[in-house]
Amino acid sequence: MTEKSKETWQPTDDQVDKIILPAMQGIAQLCAGYLNELRCPPEFIAVMLRDVADAFENPAPEGENSCDWC
């Protein structure tokens, strides 16, 4: 994705309603389940989510595996 496309892309209302909001709710439910199962502090789940976000924001060059944990 180019810098220009990062700045100009906006989801449609349909994408927000049918994909983005359900995905965010599903991720939140999964994380709440992990929190209960692990009995860890919420900050640990936040670190996990930041690590995932970092992998998307700083992808490895083509041909390299940018996700060693997935």
PDB file of N, CA and C in Angstrom:
ATOM      1  N   MET A   1       0.848  -1.171   0.000  1.00  0.00           N
ATOM      2  CA  MET A   1       0.000   0.000   0.000  1.00  0.00           C
ATOM      3  C   MET A   1       0.892   1.231   0.000  1.00  0.00           C
ATOM      4  N   THR A   2       0.588   2.165  -0.850  1.00  0.00           N
ATOM      5  CA  THR A   2       1.405   3.370  -0.924  1.00  0.00           C
ATOM      6  C   THR A   2       0.984   4.358   0.158  1.00  0.00           C
ATOM      7  N   GLU A   3       1.847   5.335   0.404  1.00  0.00           N
ATOM      8  CA  GLU A   3       1.528   6.363   1.397  1.00  0.00           C
ATOM      9  C   GLU A   3       0.232   7.079   1.028  1.00  0.00           C
ATOM     10  N   LYS A   4       0.044   7.359  -0.268  1.00  0.00           N
ATOM     11  CA  LYS A   4      -1.146   8.075  -0.696  1.00  0.00           C
ATOM     12  C   LYS A   4      -2.402   7.253  -0.420  1.00  0.00           C
ATOM     13  N   SER A   5      -2.357   5.954  -0.704  1.00  0.00           N
ATOM     14  CA  SER A   5      -3.547   5.135  -0.491  1.00  0.00           C
ATOM     15  C   SER A   5      -3.852   4.974   0.997  1.00  0.00           C
ATOM     16  N   LYS A   6      -2.828   5.021   1.860  1.00  0.00           N
ATOM     17  CA  LYS A   6      -3.055   4.961   3.302  1.00  0.00           C
ATOM     18  C   LYS A   6      -3.845   6.177   3.764  1.00  0.00           C
ATOM     19  N   GLU A   7      -3.547   7.314   3.182  1.00  0.00           N
ATOM     20  CA  GLU A   7      -4.181   8.559   3.597  1.00  0.00           C
ATOM     21  C   GLU A   7      -5.587   8.716   3.047  1.00  0.00           C
ATOM     22  N   THR A   8      -5.885   8.134   1.897  1.00  0.00           N
ATOM     23  CA  THR A   8      -7.155   8.406   1.246  1.00  0.00           C
ATOM     24  C   THR A   8      -8.202   7.316   1.425  1.00  0.00           C
ATOM     25  N   TRP A   9      -7.830   6.121   1.849  1.00  0.00           N
ATOM     26  CA  TRP A   9      -8.802   5.047   1.964  1.00  0.00           C
ATOM     27  C   TRP A   9      -9.749   5.305   3.109  1.00  0.00           C
ATOM     28  N   GLN A  10     -11.010   5.155   2.846  1.00  0.00           N
ATOM     29  CA  GLN A  10     -12.047   5.252   3.864  1.00  0.00           C
ATOM     30  C   GLN A  10     -13.004   4.091   3.651  1.00  0.00           C
ATOM     31  N   PRO A  11     -13.387   3.381   4.710  1.00  0.00           N
ATOM     32  CA  PRO A  11     -14.338   2.286   4.533  1.00  0.00           C
ATOM     33  C   PRO A  11     -15.719   2.830   4.204  1.00  0.00           C
ATOM     34  N   THR A  12     -16.460   2.030   3.476  1.00  0.00           N
ATOM     35  CA  THR A  12     -17.848   2.409   3.192  1.00  0.00           C
ATOM     36  C   THR A  12     -18.685   2.139   4.439  1.00  0.00           C
ATOM     37  N   ASP A  13     -19.865   2.699   4.476  1.00  0.00           N
ATOM     38  CA  ASP A  13     -20.771   2.436   5.600  1.00  0.00           C
ATOM     39  C   ASP A  13     -21.072   0.948   5.691  1.00  0.00           C
ATOM     40  N   ASP A  14     -21.241   0.310   4.533  1.00  0.00           N
ATOM     41  CA  ASP A  14     -21.517  -1.122   4.484  1.00  0.00           C
ATOM     42  C   ASP A  14     -20.352  -1.925   5.068  1.00  0.00           C
ATOM     43  N   GLN A  15     -19.116  -1.556   4.728  1.00  0.00           N
ATOM     44  CA  GLN A  15     -17.938  -2.234   5.272  1.00  0.00           C
ATOM     45  C   GLN A  15     -17.858  -2.051   6.787  1.00  0.00           C
ATOM     46  N   VAL A  16     -18.158  -0.856   7.255  1.00  0.00           N
ATOM     47  CA  VAL A  16     -18.127  -0.592   8.693  1.00  0.00           C
ATOM     48  C   VAL A  16     -19.152  -1.472   9.401  1.00  0.00           C
ATOM     49  N   ASP A  17     -20.373  -1.495   8.873  1.00  0.00           N
ATOM     50  CA  ASP A  17     -21.457  -2.229   9.524  1.00  0.00           C
ATOM     51  C   ASP A  17     -21.307  -3.745   9.432  1.00  0.00           C
ATOM     52  N   LYS A  18     -20.854  -4.242   8.289  1.00  0.00           N
ATOM     53  CA  LYS A  18     -20.849  -5.689   8.054  1.00  0.00           C
ATOM     54  C   LYS A  18     -19.512  -6.373   8.316  1.00  0.00           C
ATOM     55  N   ILE A  19     -18.420  -5.609   8.318  1.00  0.00           N
ATOM     56  CA  ILE A  19     -17.106  -6.230   8.486  1.00  0.00           C
ATOM     57  C   ILE A  19     -16.365  -5.661   9.691  1.00  0.00           C
ATOM     58  N   ILE A  20     -16.181  -4.353   9.707  1.00  0.00           N
ATOM     59  CA  ILE A  20     -15.293  -3.738  10.694  1.00  0.00           C
ATOM     60  C   ILE A  20     -15.839  -3.836  12.113  1.00  0.00           C
ATOM     61  N   LEU A  21     -17.073  -3.392  12.342  1.00  0.00           N
ATOM     62  CA  LEU A  21     -17.624  -3.443  13.703  1.00  0.00           C
ATOM     63  C   LEU A  21     -17.764  -4.881  14.207  1.00  0.00           C
ATOM     64  N   PRO A  22     -18.299  -5.818  13.392  1.00  0.00           N
ATOM     65  CA  PRO A  22     -18.349  -7.203  13.882  1.00  0.00           C
ATOM     66  C   PRO A  22     -16.963  -7.779  14.173  1.00  0.00           C
ATOM     67  N   ALA A  23     -15.971  -7.440  13.354  1.00  0.00           N
ATOM     68  CA  ALA A  23     -14.616  -7.936  13.592  1.00  0.00           C
ATOM     69  C   ALA A  23     -14.066  -7.390  14.905  1.00  0.00           C
ATOM     70  N   MET A  24     -14.269  -6.117  15.145  1.00  0.00           N
ATOM     71  CA  MET A  24     -13.782  -5.513  16.388  1.00  0.00           C
ATOM     72  C   MET A  24     -14.485  -6.120  17.602  1.00  0.00           C
ATOM     73  N   GLN A  25     -15.782  -6.362  17.485  1.00  0.00           N
ATOM     74  CA  GLN A  25     -16.517  -6.984  18.585  1.00  0.00           C
ATOM     75  C   GLN A  25     -16.026  -8.416  18.818  1.00  0.00           C
ATOM     76  N   GLY A  26     -15.781  -9.133  17.726  1.00  0.00           N
ATOM     77  CA  GLY A  26     -15.279 -10.503  17.850  1.00  0.00           C
ATOM     78  C   GLY A  26     -13.901 -10.551  18.484  1.00  0.00           C
ATOM     79  N   ILE A  27     -13.029  -9.644  18.090  1.00  0.00           N
ATOM     80  CA  ILE A  27     -11.684  -9.579  18.679  1.00  0.00           C
ATOM     81  C   ILE A  27     -11.789  -9.258  20.166  1.00  0.00           C
ATOM     82  N   ALA A  28     -12.658  -8.319  20.525  1.00  0.00           N
ATOM     83  CA  ALA A  28     -12.832  -7.957  21.934  1.00  0.00           C
ATOM     84  C   ALA A  28     -13.343  -9.152  22.738  1.00  0.00           C
ATOM     85  N   GLN A  29     -14.262  -9.922  22.167  1.00  0.00           N
ATOM     86  CA  GLN A  29     -14.779 -11.099  22.866  1.00  0.00           C
ATOM     87  C   GLN A  29     -13.692 -12.163  23.025  1.00  0.00           C
ATOM     88  N   LEU A  30     -12.900 -12.379  21.971  1.00  0.00           N
ATOM     89  CA  LEU A  30     -11.789 -13.332  22.075  1.00  0.00           C
ATOM     90  C   LEU A  30     -10.809 -12.913  23.169  1.00  0.00           C
ATOM     91  N   CYS A  31     -10.477 -11.645  23.191  1.00  0.00           N
ATOM     92  CA  CYS A  31      -9.522 -11.149  24.186  1.00  0.00           C
ATOM     93  C   CYS A  31     -10.081 -11.266  25.594  1.00  0.00           C
ATOM     94  N   ALA A  32     -11.373 -11.022  25.771  1.00  0.00           N
ATOM     95  CA  ALA A  32     -11.992 -11.188  27.086  1.00  0.00           C
ATOM     96  C   ALA A  32     -11.919 -12.653  27.513  1.00  0.00           C
ATOM     97  N   GLY A  33     -12.106 -13.554  26.560  1.00  0.00           N
ATOM     98  CA  GLY A  33     -11.979 -14.974  26.862  1.00  0.00           C
ATOM     99  C   GLY A  33     -10.560 -15.346  27.254  1.00  0.00           C
ATOM    100  N   TYR A  34      -9.574 -14.806  26.538  1.00  0.00           N
ATOM    101  CA  TYR A  34      -8.172 -15.063  26.880  1.00  0.00           C
ATOM    102  C   TYR A  34      -7.854 -14.518  28.266  1.00  0.00           C
ATOM    103  N   LEU A  35      -8.382 -13.345  28.562  1.00  0.00           N
ATOM    104  CA  LEU A  35      -8.163 -12.723  29.866  1.00  0.00           C
ATOM    105  C   LEU A  35      -8.665 -13.642  30.976  1.00  0.00           C
ATOM    106  N   ASN A  36      -9.863 -14.192  30.778  1.00  0.00           N
ATOM    107  CA  ASN A  36     -10.432 -15.098  31.781  1.00  0.00           C
ATOM    108  C   ASN A  36      -9.664 -16.412  31.859  1.00  0.00           C
ATOM    109  N   GLU A  37      -9.294 -16.953  30.709  1.00  0.00           N
ATOM    110  CA  GLU A  37      -8.591 -18.234  30.680  1.00  0.00           C
ATOM    111  C   GLU A  37      -7.176 -18.126  31.263  1.00  0.00           C
ATOM    112  N   LEU A  38      -6.480 -17.067  30.906  1.00  0.00           N
ATOM    113  CA  LEU A  38      -5.107 -16.889  31.383  1.00  0.00           C
ATOM    114  C   LEU A  38      -5.036 -16.336  32.799  1.00  0.00           C
ATOM    115  N   ARG A  39      -6.105 -15.671  33.215  1.00  0.00           N
ATOM    116  CA  ARG A  39      -6.125 -14.979  34.515  1.00  0.00           C
ATOM    117  C   ARG A  39      -4.937 -14.017  34.618  1.00  0.00           C
ATOM    118  N   CYS A  40      -4.743 -13.301  33.539  1.00  0.00           N
ATOM    119  CA  CYS A  40      -3.635 -12.348  33.471  1.00  0.00           C
ATOM    120  C   CYS A  40      -4.179 -10.932  33.621  1.00  0.00           C
ATOM    121  N   PRO A  41      -3.299  -9.981  33.868  1.00  0.00           N
ATOM    122  CA  PRO A  41      -3.759  -8.591  33.930  1.00  0.00           C
ATOM    123  C   PRO A  41      -4.181  -8.113  32.536  1.00  0.00           C
ATOM    124  N   PRO A  42      -5.141  -7.216  32.468  1.00  0.00           N
ATOM    125  CA  PRO A  42      -5.589  -6.698  31.173  1.00  0.00           C
ATOM    126  C   PRO A  42      -4.450  -6.085  30.355  1.00  0.00           C
ATOM    127  N   GLU A  43      -3.457  -5.561  31.037  1.00  0.00           N
ATOM    128  CA  GLU A  43      -2.324  -4.961  30.336  1.00  0.00           C
ATOM    129  C   GLU A  43      -1.593  -5.973  29.459  1.00  0.00           C
ATOM    130  N   PHE A  44      -1.592  -7.255  29.848  1.00  0.00           N
ATOM    131  CA  PHE A  44      -0.946  -8.273  29.039  1.00  0.00           C
ATOM    132  C   PHE A  44      -1.679  -8.449  27.713  1.00  0.00           C
ATOM    133  N   ILE A  45      -3.001  -8.428  27.749  1.00  0.00           N
ATOM    134  CA  ILE A  45      -3.794  -8.529  26.518  1.00  0.00           C
ATOM    135  C   ILE A  45      -3.519  -7.310  25.643  1.00  0.00           C
ATOM    136  N   ALA A  46      -3.388  -6.136  26.261  1.00  0.00           N
ATOM    137  CA  ALA A  46      -3.075  -4.922  25.507  1.00  0.00           C
ATOM    138  C   ALA A  46      -1.733  -5.047  24.797  1.00  0.00           C
ATOM    139  N   VAL A  47      -0.745  -5.642  25.456  1.00  0.00           N
ATOM    140  CA  VAL A  47       0.563  -5.853  24.832  1.00  0.00           C
ATOM    141  C   VAL A  47       0.424  -6.797  23.635  1.00  0.00           C
ATOM    142  N   MET A  48      -0.363  -7.862  23.798  1.00  0.00           N
ATOM    143  CA  MET A  48      -0.590  -8.786  22.690  1.00  0.00           C
ATOM    144  C   MET A  48      -1.186  -8.057  21.484  1.00  0.00           C
ATOM    145  N   LEU A  49      -2.191  -7.223  21.742  1.00  0.00           N
ATOM    146  CA  LEU A  49      -2.850  -6.492  20.656  1.00  0.00           C
ATOM    147  C   LEU A  49      -1.906  -5.489  19.998  1.00  0.00           C
ATOM    148  N   ARG A  50      -1.059  -4.845  20.804  1.00  0.00           N
ATOM    149  CA  ARG A  50      -0.076  -3.905  20.229  1.00  0.00           C
ATOM    150  C   ARG A  50       0.919  -4.636  19.341  1.00  0.00           C
ATOM    151  N   ASP A  51       1.333  -5.833  19.755  1.00  0.00           N
ATOM    152  CA  ASP A  51       2.262  -6.621  18.941  1.00  0.00           C
ATOM    153  C   ASP A  51       1.634  -6.991  17.598  1.00  0.00           C
ATOM    154  N   VAL A  52       0.367  -7.346  17.619  1.00  0.00           N
ATOM    155  CA  VAL A  52      -0.336  -7.662  16.371  1.00  0.00           C
ATOM    156  C   VAL A  52      -0.412  -6.413  15.499  1.00  0.00           C
ATOM    157  N   ALA A  53      -0.787  -5.287  16.089  1.00  0.00           N
ATOM    158  CA  ALA A  53      -0.875  -4.041  15.331  1.00  0.00           C
ATOM    159  C   ALA A  53       0.472  -3.660  14.739  1.00  0.00           C
ATOM    160  N   ASP A  54       1.530  -3.830  15.515  1.00  0.00           N
ATOM    161  CA  ASP A  54       2.877  -3.509  15.027  1.00  0.00           C
ATOM    162  C   ASP A  54       3.242  -4.341  13.804  1.00  0.00           C
ATOM    163  N   ALA A  55       2.826  -5.603  13.784  1.00  0.00           N
ATOM    164  CA  ALA A  55       3.128  -6.468  12.642  1.00  0.00           C
ATOM    165  C   ALA A  55       2.452  -5.959  11.371  1.00  0.00           C
ATOM    166  N   PHE A  56       1.290  -5.327  11.509  1.00  0.00           N
ATOM    167  CA  PHE A  56       0.597  -4.776  10.345  1.00  0.00           C
ATOM    168  C   PHE A  56       1.145  -3.412   9.954  1.00  0.00           C
ATOM    169  N   GLU A  57       1.585  -2.644  10.927  1.00  0.00           N
ATOM    170  CA  GLU A  57       2.098  -1.309  10.636  1.00  0.00           C
ATOM    171  C   GLU A  57       3.519  -1.324  10.113  1.00  0.00           C
ATOM    172  N   ASN A  58       4.275  -2.348  10.460  1.00  0.00           N
ATOM    173  CA  ASN A  58       5.675  -2.455  10.054  1.00  0.00           C
ATOM    174  C   ASN A  58       5.923  -3.808   9.395  1.00  0.00           C
ATOM    175  N   PRO A  59       5.314  -4.041   8.232  1.00  0.00           N
ATOM    176  CA  PRO A  59       5.482  -5.351   7.597  1.00  0.00           C
ATOM    177  C   PRO A  59       6.919  -5.580   7.153  1.00  0.00           C
ATOM    178  N   ALA A  60       7.309  -6.850   7.139  1.00  0.00           N
ATOM    179  CA  ALA A  60       8.641  -7.225   6.665  1.00  0.00           C
ATOM    180  C   ALA A  60       8.693  -7.067   5.154  1.00  0.00           C
ATOM    181  N   PRO A  61       9.879  -6.895   4.608  1.00  0.00           N
ATOM    182  CA  PRO A  61      10.009  -6.812   3.145  1.00  0.00           C
ATOM    183  C   PRO A  61       9.449  -8.075   2.479  1.00  0.00           C
ATOM    184  N   GLU A  62       9.021  -7.945   1.230  1.00  0.00           N
ATOM    185  CA  GLU A  62       8.459  -9.080   0.496  1.00  0.00           C
ATOM    186  C   GLU A  62       9.399 -10.266   0.542  1.00  0.00           C
ATOM    187  N   GLY A  63       8.831 -11.442   0.716  1.00  0.00           N
ATOM    188  CA  GLY A  63       9.621 -12.646   0.755  1.00  0.00           C
ATOM    189  C   GLY A  63      10.052 -13.054   2.138  1.00  0.00           C
ATOM    190  N   GLU A  64       9.926 -12.158   3.113  1.00  0.00           N
ATOM    191  CA  GLU A  64      10.269 -12.483   4.490  1.00  0.00           C
ATOM    192  C   GLU A  64       8.977 -12.697   5.276  1.00  0.00           C
ATOM    193  N   ASN A  65       9.017 -13.630   6.201  1.00  0.00           N
ATOM    194  CA  ASN A  65       7.861 -13.886   7.047  1.00  0.00           C
ATOM    195  C   ASN A  65       7.789 -12.791   8.099  1.00  0.00           C
ATOM    196  N   SER A  66       6.747 -11.973   8.047  1.00  0.00           N
ATOM    197  CA  SER A  66       6.634 -10.867   8.986  1.00  0.00           C
ATOM    198  C   SER A  66       5.877 -11.270  10.252  1.00  0.00           C
ATOM    199  N   CYS A  67       5.447 -12.513  10.315  1.00  0.00           N
ATOM    200  CA  CYS A  67       4.635 -12.931  11.450  1.00  0.00           C
ATOM    201  C   CYS A  67       5.160 -14.253  11.979  1.00  0.00           C
ATOM    202  N   ASP A  68       6.190 -14.195  12.783  1.00  0.00           N
ATOM    203  CA  ASP A  68       6.797 -15.401  13.325  1.00  0.00           C
ATOM    204  C   ASP A  68       5.878 -16.153  14.272  1.00  0.00           C
ATOM    205  N   TRP A  69       4.913 -15.464  14.861  1.00  0.00           N
ATOM    206  CA  TRP A  69       4.059 -16.081  15.856  1.00  0.00           C
ATOM    207  C   TRP A  69       2.726 -16.535  15.301  1.00  0.00           C
ATOM    208  N   CYS A  70       2.466 -16.301  13.994  1.00  0.00           N
ATOM    209  CA  CYS A  70       1.172 -16.740  13.467  1.00  0.00           C
ATOM    210  C   CYS A  70       1.308 -17.780  12.390  1.00  0.00           C
TER     211      CYS A  70
END
